[in-house]
Amino acid sequence: MKIRRCLKNMNSKWKAQIAMGLVCLLLGFSITIQLRSVKKNNGAGSISGLRAGEIQSMYRKEKEKNEALYLELETVQSRLDQYMSSVEDTNTTTKLMKEQLDNAEVLAGLKEVEGPGVVVKMNDGTQTPLPGEPESLYWLHDSDILLVINELKDAGAEAISINGERLTSISEIRCVGSVLSINNVRIGAPFIINAIGDAKTLESALLFKGGVVADIAAYCEVDVKTAESITVPAYKGAINFKYATPTAAKK
């Protein structure tokens, strides 16, 4: 939420600078119109009845007014140039900040993303338990899902979802009865894990001999496939930090 407020403040600053630039432009335009009006009045033949001294005095006053207006116009033009230069600098800064904000939102799981990766389908086992074996031995547990997720993260997965629930730094994966709780959402088998990253690296991390998939497949169903493009949705919940706050920047 703080990130969104930061973006909102940046937009307000941008709008204020644009509005100030437009005001300066309109002021310069109005001064130009006034100067043209003065010149036009000077050229009119309505002063033919005045004496030469009065005409000379009027001419001097109008000339002084024109010079003052020209100076004011130059001042306004200079300020306008400064504002426009400031806006261009702000554009560059805003673009960089926008890129950083996008990266932060992807890292936090707040943006939907797509890319290559793997799709892992996991389900309870269908085998009949041997004498003395508990039936739950062939059920998927939160520990099985966590083992797969850890392998994917270790192999460089950049975004992961389970049955459409985006994993974030605050996502939990735990058994609640016969289902799993992920992001406080109850999810039952089968579990579809989408992981974006280097597809071959992710696949190799899961399927190497004696790896986590081999262990889980002894009792449950696990299928791993690479994909050229998969989608991982954004986290749908709210993130409110009550205790964790950014530390002050070191000098």
Foldseek 3Di string as FASTA:
>chain_A
DVLVVVVVVLVVVLVVLVVVLVVLVVVLVVLVVVLVVLVVVLPDPPCVPPDPVVNVVVVVVSVVVNVVSVVVSVVSVVVSVVSVVVSVVSVVVSVVVVVVSVVVQLQQQAAKDKFWAKKKKWAFFDDDDDPPDDPCLRGDFLVLVVQLVVLLVVLPFSWKDKPQATDGPPWDWGDDDQFTATPNDTHHDGIIMTTHDDHVSSVCSQPPPPGSVVVSVVRIDMDMDIDGMDMRHGHDDDDDDDDDDDDDDDD
